[in-house]
Amino acid sequence: MNERIKELRTMLGLSAEKFGSRVGVTRSAISRIENGIVNVTEQMILSICREFNVREEWLRTGTGEMFLDFTEDEFTKAAAMLSNDVFVRGLIVEYWKLDDDSKKLFRDFIHRLSDNMRGQE
């Protein structure tokens, strides 16, 4: 479950500090959870699912979709909570509309782009 929490946080583009503040814990608490140093409490599971609209089954077992189904209006509202930037909000909404294969292609592209940018620094 700790790896799925890190996957979720990374996919949402949130630092450990921002992710932790959304669920009521510190950056170091999130780091300890992601690194398997401490176990995830039931309260933390419920907080993560509620705050980020995550399916509890996915968080606990890794099966099924990561997120609960959203209407497009709910996608927009959720994206607005993640960013004030109109471009970023639109990107998030469009990403959530993609099928799983397209999401993987997009993530792979972003990772390659990021690696290339780091290589140019």
PDB file of N, CA and C in Angstrom:
ATOM      1  N   MET A   1       0.837  -1.196   0.000  1.00  0.00           N
ATOM      2  CA  MET A   1       0.000   0.000   0.000  1.00  0.00           C
ATOM      3  C   MET A   1       0.877   1.254   0.000  1.00  0.00           C
ATOM      4  N   ASN A   2       2.032   1.184   0.647  1.00  0.00           N
ATOM      5  CA  ASN A   2       2.907   2.360   0.680  1.00  0.00           C
ATOM      6  C   ASN A   2       3.350   2.772  -0.720  1.00  0.00           C
ATOM      7  N   GLU A   3       3.592   1.788  -1.591  1.00  0.00           N
ATOM      8  CA  GLU A   3       3.980   2.114  -2.967  1.00  0.00           C
ATOM      9  C   GLU A   3       2.827   2.762  -3.733  1.00  0.00           C
ATOM     10  N   ARG A   4       1.594   2.317  -3.457  1.00  0.00           N
ATOM     11  CA  ARG A   4       0.439   2.917  -4.124  1.00  0.00           C
ATOM     12  C   ARG A   4       0.214   4.349  -3.646  1.00  0.00           C
ATOM     13  N   ILE A   5       0.490   4.618  -2.387  1.00  0.00           N
ATOM     14  CA  ILE A   5       0.373   5.994  -1.895  1.00  0.00           C
ATOM     15  C   ILE A   5       1.374   6.886  -2.607  1.00  0.00           C
ATOM     16  N   LYS A   6       2.591   6.398  -2.769  1.00  0.00           N
ATOM     17  CA  LYS A   6       3.596   7.182  -3.490  1.00  0.00           C
ATOM     18  C   LYS A   6       3.193   7.360  -4.951  1.00  0.00           C
ATOM     19  N   GLU A   7       2.665   6.302  -5.562  1.00  0.00           N
ATOM     20  CA  GLU A   7       2.199   6.389  -6.951  1.00  0.00           C
ATOM     21  C   GLU A   7       1.103   7.443  -7.085  1.00  0.00           C
ATOM     22  N   LEU A   8       0.156   7.431  -6.155  1.00  0.00           N
ATOM     23  CA  LEU A   8      -0.932   8.410  -6.165  1.00  0.00           C
ATOM     24  C   LEU A   8      -0.390   9.821  -6.016  1.00  0.00           C
ATOM     25  N   ARG A   9       0.459  10.036  -5.027  1.00  0.00           N
ATOM     26  CA  ARG A   9       1.010  11.374  -4.770  1.00  0.00           C
ATOM     27  C   ARG A   9       1.773  11.874  -5.986  1.00  0.00           C
ATOM     28  N   THR A  10       2.580  11.011  -6.573  1.00  0.00           N
ATOM     29  CA  THR A  10       3.372  11.386  -7.745  1.00  0.00           C
ATOM     30  C   THR A  10       2.467  11.691  -8.938  1.00  0.00           C
ATOM     31  N   MET A  11       1.450  10.844  -9.138  1.00  0.00           N
ATOM     32  CA  MET A  11       0.527  11.047 -10.247  1.00  0.00           C
ATOM     33  C   MET A  11      -0.220  12.370 -10.106  1.00  0.00           C
ATOM     34  N   LEU A  12      -0.539  12.742  -8.862  1.00  0.00           N
ATOM     35  CA  LEU A  12      -1.227  14.008  -8.621  1.00  0.00           C
ATOM     36  C   LEU A  12      -0.279  15.203  -8.690  1.00  0.00           C
ATOM     37  N   GLY A  13       1.015  14.936  -8.731  1.00  0.00           N
ATOM     38  CA  GLY A  13       1.996  16.012  -8.812  1.00  0.00           C
ATOM     39  C   GLY A  13       2.131  16.792  -7.517  1.00  0.00           C
ATOM     40  N   LEU A  14       1.911  16.110  -6.396  1.00  0.00           N
ATOM     41  CA  LEU A  14       1.983  16.786  -5.096  1.00  0.00           C
ATOM     42  C   LEU A  14       3.258  16.405  -4.363  1.00  0.00           C
ATOM     43  N   SER A  15       3.859  17.383  -3.715  1.00  0.00           N
ATOM     44  CA  SER A  15       4.990  17.085  -2.841  1.00  0.00           C
ATOM     45  C   SER A  15       4.477  16.309  -1.640  1.00  0.00           C
ATOM     46  N   ALA A  16       5.384  15.672  -0.928  1.00  0.00           N
ATOM     47  CA  ALA A  16       4.985  14.956   0.290  1.00  0.00           C
ATOM     48  C   ALA A  16       4.379  15.938   1.290  1.00  0.00           C
ATOM     49  N   GLU A  17       4.893  17.149   1.318  1.00  0.00           N
ATOM     50  CA  GLU A  17       4.368  18.158   2.234  1.00  0.00           C
ATOM     51  C   GLU A  17       2.921  18.525   1.882  1.00  0.00           C
ATOM     52  N   LYS A  18       2.660  18.787   0.596  1.00  0.00           N
ATOM     53  CA  LYS A  18       1.298  19.162   0.186  1.00  0.00           C
ATOM     54  C   LYS A  18       0.326  17.998   0.324  1.00  0.00           C
ATOM     55  N   PHE A  19       0.770  16.813  -0.047  1.00  0.00           N
ATOM     56  CA  PHE A  19      -0.079  15.630   0.092  1.00  0.00           C
ATOM     57  C   PHE A  19      -0.427  15.432   1.567  1.00  0.00           C
ATOM     58  N   GLY A  20       0.588  15.504   2.429  1.00  0.00           N
ATOM     59  CA  GLY A  20       0.376  15.333   3.862  1.00  0.00           C
ATOM     60  C   GLY A  20      -0.566  16.365   4.444  1.00  0.00           C
ATOM     61  N   SER A  21      -0.422  17.614   4.024  1.00  0.00           N
ATOM     62  CA  SER A  21      -1.300  18.661   4.568  1.00  0.00           C
ATOM     63  C   SER A  21      -2.750  18.423   4.180  1.00  0.00           C
ATOM     64  N   ARG A  22      -2.979  17.827   3.013  1.00  0.00           N
ATOM     65  CA  ARG A  22      -4.348  17.542   2.571  1.00  0.00           C
ATOM     66  C   ARG A  22      -5.006  16.442   3.400  1.00  0.00           C
ATOM     67  N   VAL A  23      -4.182  15.541   3.973  1.00  0.00           N
ATOM     68  CA  VAL A  23      -4.742  14.450   4.780  1.00  0.00           C
ATOM     69  C   VAL A  23      -4.406  14.595   6.263  1.00  0.00           C
ATOM     70  N   GLY A  24      -3.812  15.730   6.629  1.00  0.00           N
ATOM     71  CA  GLY A  24      -3.627  16.049   8.039  1.00  0.00           C
ATOM     72  C   GLY A  24      -2.398  15.475   8.706  1.00  0.00           C
ATOM     73  N   VAL A  25      -1.338  15.226   7.931  1.00  0.00           N
ATOM     74  CA  VAL A  25      -0.086  14.752   8.521  1.00  0.00           C
ATOM     75  C   VAL A  25       1.088  15.539   7.938  1.00  0.00           C
ATOM     76  N   THR A  26       2.259  15.329   8.505  1.00  0.00           N
ATOM     77  CA  THR A  26       3.454  16.053   8.062  1.00  0.00           C
ATOM     78  C   THR A  26       4.095  15.392   6.847  1.00  0.00           C
ATOM     79  N   ARG A  27       5.009  16.125   6.240  1.00  0.00           N
ATOM     80  CA  ARG A  27       5.792  15.605   5.127  1.00  0.00           C
ATOM     81  C   ARG A  27       6.561  14.360   5.558  1.00  0.00           C
ATOM     82  N   SER A  28       7.143  14.408   6.741  1.00  0.00           N
ATOM     83  CA  SER A  28       7.938  13.266   7.202  1.00  0.00           C
ATOM     84  C   SER A  28       7.061  12.035   7.445  1.00  0.00           C
ATOM     85  N   ALA A  29       5.813  12.239   7.869  1.00  0.00           N
ATOM     86  CA  ALA A  29       4.901  11.106   8.046  1.00  0.00           C
ATOM     87  C   ALA A  29       4.635  10.432   6.702  1.00  0.00           C
ATOM     88  N   ILE A  30       4.407  11.241   5.674  1.00  0.00           N
ATOM     89  CA  ILE A  30       4.187  10.682   4.334  1.00  0.00           C
ATOM     90  C   ILE A  30       5.431   9.949   3.866  1.00  0.00           C
ATOM     91  N   SER A  31       6.590  10.511   4.094  1.00  0.00           N
ATOM     92  CA  SER A  31       7.844   9.871   3.707  1.00  0.00           C
ATOM     93  C   SER A  31       8.017   8.516   4.406  1.00  0.00           C
ATOM     94  N   ARG A  32       7.717   8.469   5.688  1.00  0.00           N
ATOM     95  CA  ARG A  32       7.839   7.211   6.443  1.00  0.00           C
ATOM     96  C   ARG A  32       6.845   6.167   5.940  1.00  0.00           C
ATOM     97  N   ILE A  33       5.648   6.614   5.568  1.00  0.00           N
ATOM     98  CA  ILE A  33       4.647   5.692   5.018  1.00  0.00           C
ATOM     99  C   ILE A  33       5.122   5.166   3.668  1.00  0.00           C
ATOM    100  N   GLU A  34       5.532   6.071   2.781  1.00  0.00           N
ATOM    101  CA  GLU A  34       5.954   5.665   1.432  1.00  0.00           C
ATOM    102  C   GLU A  34       7.166   4.736   1.463  1.00  0.00           C
ATOM    103  N   ASN A  35       8.029   4.916   2.441  1.00  0.00           N
ATOM    104  CA  ASN A  35       9.227   4.083   2.544  1.00  0.00           C
ATOM    105  C   ASN A  35       9.007   2.815   3.360  1.00  0.00           C
ATOM    106  N   GLY A  36       7.764   2.578   3.806  1.00  0.00           N
ATOM    107  CA  GLY A  36       7.443   1.361   4.522  1.00  0.00           C
ATOM    108  C   GLY A  36       7.938   1.320   5.953  1.00  0.00           C
ATOM    109  N   ILE A  37       8.316   2.469   6.496  1.00  0.00           N
ATOM    110  CA  ILE A  37       8.822   2.519   7.865  1.00  0.00           C
ATOM    111  C   ILE A  37       7.674   2.391   8.867  1.00  0.00           C
ATOM    112  N   VAL A  38       6.538   2.985   8.536  1.00  0.00           N
ATOM    113  CA  VAL A  38       5.344   2.869   9.375  1.00  0.00           C
ATOM    114  C   VAL A  38       4.186   2.368   8.518  1.00  0.00           C
ATOM    115  N   ASN A  39       3.243   1.726   9.170  1.00  0.00           N
ATOM    116  CA  ASN A  39       2.056   1.237   8.479  1.00  0.00           C
ATOM    117  C   ASN A  39       1.032   2.349   8.324  1.00  0.00           C
ATOM    118  N   VAL A  40       0.191   2.183   7.341  1.00  0.00           N
ATOM    119  CA  VAL A  40      -0.882   3.138   7.087  1.00  0.00           C
ATOM    120  C   VAL A  40      -2.035   2.815   8.034  1.00  0.00           C
ATOM    121  N   THR A  41      -2.516   3.821   8.745  1.00  0.00           N
ATOM    122  CA  THR A  41      -3.637   3.607   9.662  1.00  0.00           C
ATOM    123  C   THR A  41      -4.955   3.583   8.897  1.00  0.00           C
ATOM    124  N   GLU A  42      -5.975   3.033   9.523  1.00  0.00           N
ATOM    125  CA  GLU A  42      -7.302   3.027   8.921  1.00  0.00           C
ATOM    126  C   GLU A  42      -7.777   4.460   8.654  1.00  0.00           C
ATOM    127  N   GLN A  43      -7.495   5.354   9.610  1.00  0.00           N
ATOM    128  CA  GLN A  43      -7.892   6.750   9.453  1.00  0.00           C
ATOM    129  C   GLN A  43      -7.201   7.387   8.241  1.00  0.00           C
ATOM    130  N   MET A  44      -5.927   7.062   8.038  1.00  0.00           N
ATOM    131  CA  MET A  44      -5.180   7.601   6.903  1.00  0.00           C
ATOM    132  C   MET A  44      -5.773   7.070   5.594  1.00  0.00           C
ATOM    133  N   ILE A  45      -6.111   5.796   5.551  1.00  0.00           N
ATOM    134  CA  ILE A  45      -6.718   5.212   4.359  1.00  0.00           C
ATOM    135  C   ILE A  45      -8.000   5.961   4.010  1.00  0.00           C
ATOM    136  N   LEU A  46      -8.853   6.142   5.002  1.00  0.00           N
ATOM    137  CA  LEU A  46     -10.117   6.843   4.770  1.00  0.00           C
ATOM    138  C   LEU A  46      -9.886   8.288   4.340  1.00  0.00           C
ATOM    139  N   SER A  47      -8.901   8.950   4.945  1.00  0.00           N
ATOM    140  CA  SER A  47      -8.602  10.343   4.583  1.00  0.00           C
ATOM    141  C   SER A  47      -8.116  10.450   3.149  1.00  0.00           C
ATOM    142  N   ILE A  48      -7.233   9.558   2.747  1.00  0.00           N
ATOM    143  CA  ILE A  48      -6.703   9.584   1.380  1.00  0.00           C
ATOM    144  C   ILE A  48      -7.834   9.341   0.378  1.00  0.00           C
ATOM    145  N   CYS A  49      -8.660   8.337   0.656  1.00  0.00           N
ATOM    146  CA  CYS A  49      -9.761   8.016  -0.255  1.00  0.00           C
ATOM    147  C   CYS A  49     -10.729   9.188  -0.380  1.00  0.00           C
ATOM    148  N   ARG A  50     -11.063   9.802   0.734  1.00  0.00           N
ATOM    149  CA  ARG A  50     -12.010  10.917   0.725  1.00  0.00           C
ATOM    150  C   ARG A  50     -11.408  12.156   0.047  1.00  0.00           C
ATOM    151  N   GLU A  51     -10.205  12.490   0.404  1.00  0.00           N
ATOM    152  CA  GLU A  51      -9.589  13.726  -0.094  1.00  0.00           C
ATOM    153  C   GLU A  51      -9.276  13.674  -1.585  1.00  0.00           C
ATOM    154  N   PHE A  52      -8.873  12.500  -2.082  1.00  0.00           N
ATOM    155  CA  PHE A  52      -8.426  12.407  -3.473  1.00  0.00           C
ATOM    156  C   PHE A  52      -9.354  11.562  -4.351  1.00  0.00           C
ATOM    157  N   ASN A  53     -10.517  11.188  -3.816  1.00  0.00           N
ATOM    158  CA  ASN A  53     -11.513  10.410  -4.564  1.00  0.00           C
ATOM    159  C   ASN A  53     -10.934   9.089  -5.068  1.00  0.00           C
ATOM    160  N   VAL A  54     -10.150   8.455  -4.198  1.00  0.00           N
ATOM    161  CA  VAL A  54      -9.484   7.196  -4.520  1.00  0.00           C
ATOM    162  C   VAL A  54     -10.378   6.031  -4.104  1.00  0.00           C
ATOM    163  N   ARG A  55     -10.392   4.999  -4.916  1.00  0.00           N
ATOM    164  CA  ARG A  55     -11.133   3.788  -4.575  1.00  0.00           C
ATOM    165  C   ARG A  55     -10.380   3.053  -3.470  1.00  0.00           C
ATOM    166  N   GLU A  56     -11.072   2.746  -2.397  1.00  0.00           N
ATOM    167  CA  GLU A  56     -10.443   2.084  -1.250  1.00  0.00           C
ATOM    168  C   GLU A  56      -9.856   0.728  -1.641  1.00  0.00           C
ATOM    169  N   GLU A  57     -10.551  -0.022  -2.491  1.00  0.00           N
ATOM    170  CA  GLU A  57     -10.049  -1.327  -2.926  1.00  0.00           C
ATOM    171  C   GLU A  57      -8.699  -1.188  -3.630  1.00  0.00           C
ATOM    172  N   TRP A  58      -8.567  -0.169  -4.490  1.00  0.00           N
ATOM    173  CA  TRP A  58      -7.291   0.043  -5.172  1.00  0.00           C
ATOM    174  C   TRP A  58      -6.202   0.374  -4.160  1.00  0.00           C
ATOM    175  N   LEU A  59      -6.500   1.260  -3.224  1.00  0.00           N
ATOM    176  CA  LEU A  59      -5.487   1.658  -2.256  1.00  0.00           C
ATOM    177  C   LEU A  59      -5.039   0.465  -1.418  1.00  0.00           C
ATOM    178  N   ARG A  60      -5.976  -0.355  -0.999  1.00  0.00           N
ATOM    179  CA  ARG A  60      -5.638  -1.501  -0.144  1.00  0.00           C
ATOM    180  C   ARG A  60      -4.969  -2.643  -0.906  1.00  0.00           C
ATOM    181  N   THR A  61      -5.457  -2.948  -2.111  1.00  0.00           N
ATOM    182  CA  THR A  61      -5.013  -4.165  -2.800  1.00  0.00           C
ATOM    183  C   THR A  61      -4.353  -3.938  -4.150  1.00  0.00           C
ATOM    184  N   GLY A  62      -4.564  -2.761  -4.728  1.00  0.00           N
ATOM    185  CA  GLY A  62      -4.029  -2.492  -6.056  1.00  0.00           C
ATOM    186  C   GLY A  62      -4.926  -2.964  -7.180  1.00  0.00           C
ATOM    187  N   THR A  63      -6.094  -3.506  -6.857  1.00  0.00           N
ATOM    188  CA  THR A  63      -6.988  -3.987  -7.918  1.00  0.00           C
ATOM    189  C   THR A  63      -7.988  -2.906  -8.308  1.00  0.00           C
ATOM    190  N   GLY A  64      -8.380  -2.934  -9.572  1.00  0.00           N
ATOM    191  CA  GLY A  64      -9.346  -1.974 -10.073  1.00  0.00           C
ATOM    192  C   GLY A  64      -8.723  -0.638 -10.415  1.00  0.00           C
ATOM    193  N   GLU A  65      -9.580   0.311 -10.662  1.00  0.00           N
ATOM    194  CA  GLU A  65      -9.156   1.669 -11.023  1.00  0.00           C
ATOM    195  C   GLU A  65      -8.711   2.444  -9.785  1.00  0.00           C
ATOM    196  N   MET A  66      -7.801   3.371  -9.989  1.00  0.00           N
ATOM    197  CA  MET A  66      -7.294   4.180  -8.894  1.00  0.00           C
ATOM    198  C   MET A  66      -8.379   5.104  -8.338  1.00  0.00           C
ATOM    199  N   PHE A  67      -9.123   5.733  -9.229  1.00  0.00           N
ATOM    200  CA  PHE A  67     -10.092   6.742  -8.803  1.00  0.00           C
ATOM    201  C   PHE A  67     -11.522   6.265  -8.956  1.00  0.00           C
ATOM    202  N   LEU A  68     -12.388   6.809  -8.129  1.00  0.00           N
ATOM    203  CA  LEU A  68     -13.817   6.610  -8.294  1.00  0.00           C
ATOM    204  C   LEU A  68     -14.244   7.306  -9.572  1.00  0.00           C
ATOM    205  N   ASP A  69     -15.308   6.837 -10.179  1.00  0.00           N
ATOM    206  CA  ASP A  69     -15.804   7.468 -11.399  1.00  0.00           C
ATOM    207  C   ASP A  69     -16.280   8.887 -11.098  1.00  0.00           C
ATOM    208  N   PHE A  70     -15.945   9.795 -11.992  1.00  0.00           N
ATOM    209  CA  PHE A  70     -16.301  11.202 -11.887  1.00  0.00           C
ATOM    210  C   PHE A  70     -17.163  11.593 -13.077  1.00  0.00           C
ATOM    211  N   THR A  71     -18.026  12.538 -12.883  1.00  0.00           N
ATOM    212  CA  THR A  71     -18.631  13.207 -14.023  1.00  0.00           C
ATOM    213  C   THR A  71     -17.621  14.268 -14.464  1.00  0.00           C
ATOM    214  N   GLU A  72     -17.795  14.817 -15.648  1.00  0.00           N
ATOM    215  CA  GLU A  72     -16.848  15.836 -16.116  1.00  0.00           C
ATOM    216  C   GLU A  72     -16.844  17.045 -15.191  1.00  0.00           C
ATOM    217  N   ASP A  73     -17.998  17.421 -14.665  1.00  0.00           N
ATOM    218  CA  ASP A  73     -18.067  18.537 -13.728  1.00  0.00           C
ATOM    219  C   ASP A  73     -17.269  18.231 -12.466  1.00  0.00           C
ATOM    220  N   GLU A  74     -17.359  16.986 -11.984  1.00  0.00           N
ATOM    221  CA  GLU A  74     -16.591  16.604 -10.798  1.00  0.00           C
ATOM    222  C   GLU A  74     -15.094  16.583 -11.094  1.00  0.00           C
ATOM    223  N   PHE A  75     -14.711  16.162 -12.315  1.00  0.00           N
ATOM    224  CA  PHE A  75     -13.312  16.226 -12.720  1.00  0.00           C
ATOM    225  C   PHE A  75     -12.808  17.667 -12.605  1.00  0.00           C
ATOM    226  N   THR A  76     -13.587  18.584 -13.135  1.00  0.00           N
ATOM    227  CA  THR A  76     -13.203  19.996 -13.131  1.00  0.00           C
ATOM    228  C   THR A  76     -13.068  20.524 -11.715  1.00  0.00           C
ATOM    229  N   LYS A  77     -14.011  20.173 -10.846  1.00  0.00           N
ATOM    230  CA  LYS A  77     -13.937  20.611  -9.447  1.00  0.00           C
ATOM    231  C   LYS A  77     -12.708  20.032  -8.753  1.00  0.00           C
ATOM    232  N   ALA A  78     -12.434  18.750  -8.984  1.00  0.00           N
ATOM    233  CA  ALA A  78     -11.266  18.123  -8.369  1.00  0.00           C
ATOM    234  C   ALA A  78      -9.974  18.763  -8.874  1.00  0.00           C
ATOM    235  N   ALA A  79      -9.903  19.021 -10.171  1.00  0.00           N
ATOM    236  CA  ALA A  79      -8.712  19.653 -10.741  1.00  0.00           C
ATOM    237  C   ALA A  79      -8.513  21.046 -10.163  1.00  0.00           C
ATOM    238  N   ALA A  80      -9.599  21.759  -9.923  1.00  0.00           N
ATOM    239  CA  ALA A  80      -9.502  23.109  -9.347  1.00  0.00           C
ATOM    240  C   ALA A  80      -8.904  23.076  -7.954  1.00  0.00           C
ATOM    241  N   MET A  81      -9.126  21.978  -7.222  1.00  0.00           N
ATOM    242  CA  MET A  81      -8.539  21.855  -5.890  1.00  0.00           C
ATOM    243  C   MET A  81      -7.032  21.614  -5.965  1.00  0.00           C
ATOM    244  N   LEU A  82      -6.575  21.049  -7.089  1.00  0.00           N
ATOM    245  CA  LEU A  82      -5.163  20.719  -7.231  1.00  0.00           C
ATOM    246  C   LEU A  82      -4.317  21.870  -7.753  1.00  0.00           C
ATOM    247  N   SER A  83      -4.927  22.772  -8.512  1.00  0.00           N
ATOM    248  CA  SER A  83      -4.139  23.846  -9.102  1.00  0.00           C
ATOM    249  C   SER A  83      -5.006  25.058  -9.418  1.00  0.00           C
ATOM    250  N   ASN A  84      -4.403  26.235  -9.314  1.00  0.00           N
ATOM    251  CA  ASN A  84      -5.069  27.475  -9.718  1.00  0.00           C
ATOM    252  C   ASN A  84      -4.814  27.794 -11.191  1.00  0.00           C
ATOM    253  N   ASP A  85      -3.899  27.077 -11.813  1.00  0.00           N
ATOM    254  CA  ASP A  85      -3.503  27.318 -13.191  1.00  0.00           C
ATOM    255  C   ASP A  85      -4.515  26.670 -14.145  1.00  0.00           C
ATOM    256  N   VAL A  86      -5.122  27.458 -15.019  1.00  0.00           N
ATOM    257  CA  VAL A  86      -6.149  26.977 -15.944  1.00  0.00           C
ATOM    258  C   VAL A  86      -5.596  25.876 -16.845  1.00  0.00           C
ATOM    259  N   PHE A  87      -4.377  26.055 -17.336  1.00  0.00           N
ATOM    260  CA  PHE A  87      -3.765  25.051 -18.210  1.00  0.00           C
ATOM    261  C   PHE A  87      -3.607  23.726 -17.467  1.00  0.00           C
ATOM    262  N   VAL A  88      -3.095  23.784 -16.250  1.00  0.00           N
ATOM    263  CA  VAL A  88      -2.881  22.571 -15.456  1.00  0.00           C
ATOM    264  C   VAL A  88      -4.214  21.881 -15.158  1.00  0.00           C
ATOM    265  N   ARG A  89      -5.225  22.661 -14.802  1.00  0.00           N
ATOM    266  CA  ARG A  89      -6.546  22.075 -14.531  1.00  0.00           C
ATOM    267  C   ARG A  89      -7.072  21.356 -15.764  1.00  0.00           C
ATOM    268  N   GLY A  90      -6.960  21.992 -16.927  1.00  0.00           N
ATOM    269  CA  GLY A  90      -7.417  21.362 -18.169  1.00  0.00           C
ATOM    270  C   GLY A  90      -6.647  20.097 -18.474  1.00  0.00           C
ATOM    271  N   LEU A  91      -5.354  20.125 -18.231  1.00  0.00           N
ATOM    272  CA  LEU A  91      -4.509  18.955 -18.450  1.00  0.00           C
ATOM    273  C   LEU A  91      -4.948  17.798 -17.557  1.00  0.00           C
ATOM    274  N   ILE A  92      -5.227  18.094 -16.301  1.00  0.00           N
ATOM    275  CA  ILE A  92      -5.676  17.058 -15.362  1.00  0.00           C
ATOM    276  C   ILE A  92      -6.998  16.449 -15.820  1.00  0.00           C
ATOM    277  N   VAL A  93      -7.937  17.292 -16.189  1.00  0.00           N
ATOM    278  CA  VAL A  93      -9.247  16.801 -16.630  1.00  0.00           C
ATOM    279  C   VAL A  93      -9.098  15.920 -17.862  1.00  0.00           C
ATOM    280  N   GLU A  94      -8.319  16.358 -18.830  1.00  0.00           N
ATOM    281  CA  GLU A  94      -8.148  15.578 -20.056  1.00  0.00           C
ATOM    282  C   GLU A  94      -7.411  14.272 -19.785  1.00  0.00           C
ATOM    283  N   TYR A  95      -6.446  14.297 -18.881  1.00  0.00           N
ATOM    284  CA  TYR A  95      -5.726  13.073 -18.513  1.00  0.00           C
ATOM    285  C   TYR A  95      -6.698  12.047 -17.937  1.00  0.00           C
ATOM    286  N   TRP A  96      -7.566  12.477 -17.021  1.00  0.00           N
ATOM    287  CA  TRP A  96      -8.511  11.552 -16.398  1.00  0.00           C
ATOM    288  C   TRP A  96      -9.486  10.956 -17.403  1.00  0.00           C
ATOM    289  N   LYS A  97      -9.686  11.597 -18.524  1.00  0.00           N
ATOM    290  CA  LYS A  97     -10.598  11.080 -19.542  1.00  0.00           C
ATOM    291  C   LYS A  97      -9.951   9.988 -20.402  1.00  0.00           C
ATOM    292  N   LEU A  98      -8.628   9.892 -20.371  1.00  0.00           N
ATOM    293  CA  LEU A  98      -7.927   8.926 -21.213  1.00  0.00           C
ATOM    294  C   LEU A  98      -8.158   7.500 -20.732  1.00  0.00           C
ATOM    295  N   ASP A  99      -8.053   6.540 -21.665  1.00  0.00           N
ATOM    296  CA  ASP A  99      -8.095   5.136 -21.263  1.00  0.00           C
ATOM    297  C   ASP A  99      -6.733   4.775 -20.661  1.00  0.00           C
ATOM    298  N   ASP A 100      -6.638   3.613 -20.046  1.00  0.00           N
ATOM    299  CA  ASP A 100      -5.420   3.232 -19.321  1.00  0.00           C
ATOM    300  C   ASP A 100      -4.179   3.206 -20.208  1.00  0.00           C
ATOM    301  N   ASP A 101      -4.302   2.694 -21.434  1.00  0.00           N
ATOM    302  CA  ASP A 101      -3.150   2.644 -22.338  1.00  0.00           C
ATOM    303  C   ASP A 101      -2.666   4.048 -22.694  1.00  0.00           C
ATOM    304  N   SER A 102      -3.603   4.947 -22.948  1.00  0.00           N
ATOM    305  CA  SER A 102      -3.234   6.324 -23.288  1.00  0.00           C
ATOM    306  C   SER A 102      -2.604   7.031 -22.091  1.00  0.00           C
ATOM    307  N   LYS A 103      -3.108   6.753 -20.897  1.00  0.00           N
ATOM    308  CA  LYS A 103      -2.504   7.337 -19.685  1.00  0.00           C
ATOM    309  C   LYS A 103      -1.058   6.875 -19.544  1.00  0.00           C
ATOM    310  N   LYS A 104      -0.812   5.583 -19.789  1.00  0.00           N
ATOM    311  CA  LYS A 104       0.555   5.070 -19.694  1.00  0.00           C
ATOM    312  C   LYS A 104       1.461   5.747 -20.717  1.00  0.00           C
ATOM    313  N   LEU A 105       0.991   5.893 -21.950  1.00  0.00           N
ATOM    314  CA  LEU A 105       1.782   6.572 -22.978  1.00  0.00           C
ATOM    315  C   LEU A 105       2.095   8.005 -22.568  1.00  0.00           C
ATOM    316  N   PHE A 106       1.109   8.695 -22.034  1.00  0.00           N
ATOM    317  CA  PHE A 106       1.302  10.078 -21.607  1.00  0.00           C
ATOM    318  C   PHE A 106       2.318  10.150 -20.466  1.00  0.00           C
ATOM    319  N   ARG A 107       2.173   9.269 -19.467  1.00  0.00           N
ATOM    320  CA  ARG A 107       3.124   9.262 -18.348  1.00  0.00           C
ATOM    321  C   ARG A 107       4.535   8.973 -18.835  1.00  0.00           C
ATOM    322  N   ASP A 108       4.674   7.988 -19.745  1.00  0.00           N
ATOM    323  CA  ASP A 108       5.994   7.665 -20.289  1.00  0.00           C
ATOM    324  C   ASP A 108       6.588   8.875 -21.006  1.00  0.00           C
ATOM    325  N   PHE A 109       5.766   9.587 -21.771  1.00  0.00           N
ATOM    326  CA  PHE A 109       6.225  10.791 -22.464  1.00  0.00           C
ATOM    327  C   PHE A 109       6.718  11.840 -21.470  1.00  0.00           C
ATOM    328  N   ILE A 110       5.940  12.079 -20.428  1.00  0.00           N
ATOM    329  CA  ILE A 110       6.316  13.086 -19.429  1.00  0.00           C
ATOM    330  C   ILE A 110       7.610  12.688 -18.732  1.00  0.00           C
ATOM    331  N   HIS A 111       7.766  11.417 -18.415  1.00  0.00           N
ATOM    332  CA  HIS A 111       9.001  10.960 -17.768  1.00  0.00           C
ATOM    333  C   HIS A 111      10.206  11.163 -18.687  1.00  0.00           C
ATOM    334  N   ARG A 112      10.050  10.819 -19.969  1.00  0.00           N
ATOM    335  CA  ARG A 112      11.152  11.028 -20.918  1.00  0.00           C
ATOM    336  C   ARG A 112      11.474  12.512 -21.060  1.00  0.00           C
ATOM    337  N   LEU A 113      10.439  13.335 -21.151  1.00  0.00           N
ATOM    338  CA  LEU A 113      10.637  14.782 -21.256  1.00  0.00           C
ATOM    339  C   LEU A 113      11.371  15.307 -20.032  1.00  0.00           C
ATOM    340  N   SER A 114      10.950  14.882 -18.871  1.00  0.00           N
ATOM    341  CA  SER A 114      11.575  15.311 -17.628  1.00  0.00           C
ATOM    342  C   SER A 114      13.037  14.866 -17.565  1.00  0.00           C
ATOM    343  N   ASP A 115      13.294  13.620 -17.950  1.00  0.00           N
ATOM    344  CA  ASP A 115      14.678  13.117 -17.960  1.00  0.00           C
ATOM    345  C   ASP A 115      15.544  13.919 -18.921  1.00  0.00           C
ATOM    346  N   ASN A 116      14.993  14.234 -20.104  1.00  0.00           N
ATOM    347  CA  ASN A 116      15.721  15.039 -21.092  1.00  0.00           C
ATOM    348  C   ASN A 116      16.028  16.428 -20.571  1.00  0.00           C
ATOM    349  N   MET A 117      15.046  17.033 -19.900  1.00  0.00           N
ATOM    350  CA  MET A 117      15.229  18.389 -19.360  1.00  0.00           C
ATOM    351  C   MET A 117      16.317  18.380 -18.278  1.00  0.00           C
ATOM    352  N   ARG A 118      16.308  17.349 -17.427  1.00  0.00           N
ATOM    353  CA  ARG A 118      17.331  17.257 -16.379  1.00  0.00           C
ATOM    354  C   ARG A 118      18.713  17.087 -16.994  1.00  0.00           C
ATOM    355  N   GLY A 119      18.773  16.335 -18.088  1.00  0.00           N
ATOM    356  CA  GLY A 119      20.046  16.109 -18.769  1.00  0.00           C
ATOM    357  C   GLY A 119      20.619  17.357 -19.391  1.00  0.00           C
ATOM    358  N   GLN A 120      19.788  18.358 -19.655  1.00  0.00           N
ATOM    359  CA  GLN A 120      20.253  19.590 -20.276  1.00  0.00           C
ATOM    360  C   GLN A 120      20.698  20.615 -19.257  1.00  0.00           C
ATOM    361  N   GLU A 121      20.434  20.355 -18.000  1.00  0.00           N
ATOM    362  CA  GLU A 121      20.794  21.341 -16.957  1.00  0.00           C
ATOM    363  C   GLU A 121      22.270  21.345 -16.669  1.00  0.00           C
TER     364      GLU A 121
END
